Each structure stands twice: as C-alpha cells, then as structure tokens.
Amino acid sequence: MSDSELSFEKALSRLEEVIKQLEDGQVPLEEALELFSEGIRLSKICNNKLDNVEEKVQLLLTDSDGTPVLRETDAAIGGGNE
C-alpha cells in the first residue's frame, strides 16, 4: 500500500506500534534504525493528512468572498451563526 493510500488512522496505529517497539529497547540496532525511519515517514504522513483536513475545514468555515462564517470566539464557545 502506498503512502497516499494509507489512512490517517492506519498510519497512526502503525506509528504507535513502532514507538512501542522502540521504547521496549529489545530490537537490534539495525532494526531500530529501520523502525525509526518508518516512524518518521508515518509521522509525516499523519501530519500531511492533518494539514489537508485543516485546509478543508478552513474552506468550509469561510464564505465565497473569504469572510469567516464563524469567528474563532464563536467556535470556541460552541456558538456560531444560528
């Protein structure tokens, strides 16, 4: 499965597994280096997916002219345009 096909949830789950293996400290050095590299790759995948979602949310929260639909204070207190 390519990086772009990997869902956020699957990437995060695998990242958690990698972290547990590294924290355990029972893997040989070469394997630890491979796991570390995989962890960095998975971290980047998760970060990119979160960035993409953030951009989509920002688009949803603005009018066609770029005016915010919700002010930050409205969103923070659960208010909005009701």
C-alpha atoms as a PDB file:
ATOM      1  CA  MET A   1       0.000   0.000   0.000  1.00  0.00           C
ATOM      2  CA  SER A   2       1.403   3.395  -0.977  1.00  0.00           C
ATOM      3  CA  ASP A   3       1.714   6.278   1.459  1.00  0.00           C
ATOM      4  CA  SER A   4      -1.141   8.176  -0.213  1.00  0.00           C
ATOM      5  CA  GLU A   5      -3.471   5.173   0.168  1.00  0.00           C
ATOM      6  CA  LEU A   6      -2.709   4.795   3.870  1.00  0.00           C
ATOM      7  CA  SER A   7      -5.465   6.265   6.033  1.00  0.00           C
ATOM      8  CA  PHE A   8      -4.659   8.579   8.915  1.00  0.00           C
ATOM      9  CA  GLU A   9      -5.959   6.004  11.391  1.00  0.00           C
ATOM     10  CA  LYS A  10      -3.848   3.184   9.965  1.00  0.00           C
ATOM     11  CA  ALA A  11      -0.730   5.347   9.809  1.00  0.00           C
ATOM     12  CA  LEU A  12      -1.246   6.498  13.398  1.00  0.00           C
ATOM     13  CA  SER A  13      -1.884   2.955  14.610  1.00  0.00           C
ATOM     14  CA  ARG A  14       1.299   1.694  12.957  1.00  0.00           C
ATOM     15  CA  LEU A  15       3.233   4.671  14.332  1.00  0.00           C
ATOM     16  CA  GLU A  16       2.075   3.734  17.837  1.00  0.00           C
ATOM     17  CA  GLU A  17       3.290   0.154  17.262  1.00  0.00           C
ATOM     18  CA  VAL A  18       6.671   1.410  16.072  1.00  0.00           C
ATOM     19  CA  ILE A  19       7.021   3.659  19.113  1.00  0.00           C
ATOM     20  CA  LYS A  20       6.201   0.785  21.479  1.00  0.00           C
ATOM     21  CA  GLN A  21       8.823  -1.422  19.809  1.00  0.00           C
ATOM     22  CA  LEU A  22      11.460   1.298  20.062  1.00  0.00           C
ATOM     23  CA  GLU A  23      10.585   2.106  23.677  1.00  0.00           C
ATOM     24  CA  ASP A  24      10.833  -1.576  24.567  1.00  0.00           C
ATOM     25  CA  GLY A  25      14.506  -1.418  23.658  1.00  0.00           C
ATOM     26  CA  GLN A  26      14.693  -5.083  22.712  1.00  0.00           C
ATOM     27  CA  VAL A  27      15.246  -4.674  18.961  1.00  0.00           C
ATOM     28  CA  PRO A  28      18.721  -4.868  17.429  1.00  0.00           C
ATOM     29  CA  LEU A  29      20.329  -1.595  16.364  1.00  0.00           C
ATOM     30  CA  GLU A  30      19.794  -2.096  12.621  1.00  0.00           C
ATOM     31  CA  GLU A  31      16.122  -2.938  13.129  1.00  0.00           C
ATOM     32  CA  ALA A  32      15.732   0.027  15.484  1.00  0.00           C
ATOM     33  CA  LEU A  33      17.136   2.301  12.786  1.00  0.00           C
ATOM     34  CA  GLU A  34      14.653   0.895  10.247  1.00  0.00           C
ATOM     35  CA  LEU A  35      11.791   1.339  12.724  1.00  0.00           C
ATOM     36  CA  PHE A  36      12.888   4.900  13.455  1.00  0.00           C
ATOM     37  CA  SER A  37      12.926   5.666   9.730  1.00  0.00           C
ATOM     38  CA  GLU A  38       9.459   4.139   9.325  1.00  0.00           C
ATOM     39  CA  GLY A  39       8.243   6.175  12.282  1.00  0.00           C
ATOM     40  CA  ILE A  40       9.478   9.407  10.722  1.00  0.00           C
ATOM     41  CA  ARG A  41       7.733   8.502   7.444  1.00  0.00           C
ATOM     42  CA  LEU A  42       4.484   7.674   9.253  1.00  0.00           C
ATOM     43  CA  SER A  43       4.689  10.885  11.261  1.00  0.00           C
ATOM     44  CA  LYS A  44       4.990  12.887   8.042  1.00  0.00           C
ATOM     45  CA  ILE A  45       2.002  11.050   6.536  1.00  0.00           C
ATOM     46  CA  CYS A  46      -0.126  11.852   9.587  1.00  0.00           C
ATOM     47  CA  ASN A  47       0.996  15.477   9.606  1.00  0.00           C
ATOM     48  CA  ASN A  48       0.234  15.910   5.892  1.00  0.00           C
ATOM     49  CA  LYS A  49      -3.226  14.388   6.292  1.00  0.00           C
ATOM     50  CA  LEU A  50      -3.964  16.681   9.248  1.00  0.00           C
ATOM     51  CA  ASP A  51      -2.787  19.700   7.243  1.00  0.00           C
ATOM     52  CA  ASN A  52      -5.109  18.719   4.381  1.00  0.00           C
ATOM     53  CA  VAL A  53      -8.067  18.372   6.721  1.00  0.00           C
ATOM     54  CA  GLU A  54      -7.284  21.722   8.327  1.00  0.00           C
ATOM     55  CA  GLU A  55      -7.317  23.372   4.884  1.00  0.00           C
ATOM     56  CA  LYS A  56     -10.697  21.791   4.091  1.00  0.00           C
ATOM     57  CA  VAL A  57     -12.150  22.951   7.404  1.00  0.00           C
ATOM     58  CA  GLN A  58     -10.901  26.481   6.749  1.00  0.00           C
ATOM     59  CA  LEU A  59     -12.619  26.416   3.345  1.00  0.00           C
ATOM     60  CA  LEU A  60     -15.845  25.218   4.936  1.00  0.00           C
ATOM     61  CA  LEU A  61     -15.690  27.982   7.530  1.00  0.00           C
ATOM     62  CA  THR A  62     -15.399  30.820   5.012  1.00  0.00           C
ATOM     63  CA  ASP A  63     -17.906  32.367   2.604  1.00  0.00           C
ATOM     64  CA  SER A  64     -17.214  32.538  -1.113  1.00  0.00           C
ATOM     65  CA  ASP A  65     -15.729  36.009  -0.619  1.00  0.00           C
ATOM     66  CA  GLY A  66     -13.318  34.744   2.054  1.00  0.00           C
ATOM     67  CA  THR A  67     -15.259  36.128   5.022  1.00  0.00           C
ATOM     68  CA  PRO A  68     -15.216  33.789   8.025  1.00  0.00           C
ATOM     69  CA  VAL A  69     -18.568  32.104   8.660  1.00  0.00           C
ATOM     70  CA  LEU A  70     -17.659  31.589  12.316  1.00  0.00           C
ATOM     71  CA  ARG A  71     -15.445  33.834  14.351  1.00  0.00           C
ATOM     72  CA  GLU A  72     -12.862  31.987  16.440  1.00  0.00           C
ATOM     73  CA  THR A  73     -14.619  33.003  19.652  1.00  0.00           C
ATOM     74  CA  ASP A  74     -17.950  31.627  18.357  1.00  0.00           C
ATOM     75  CA  ALA A  75     -16.373  28.274  17.530  1.00  0.00           C
ATOM     76  CA  ALA A  76     -14.542  28.131  20.870  1.00  0.00           C
ATOM     77  CA  ILE A  77     -17.728  28.593  22.913  1.00  0.00           C
ATOM     78  CA  GLY A  78     -19.896  26.406  20.708  1.00  0.00           C
ATOM     79  CA  GLY A  79     -21.791  29.319  19.241  1.00  0.00           C
ATOM     80  CA  GLY A  80     -21.998  30.297  15.660  1.00  0.00           C
ATOM     81  CA  ASN A  81     -24.434  31.648  13.164  1.00  0.00           C
ATOM     82  CA  GLU A  82     -27.677  30.287  14.496  1.00  0.00           C
END
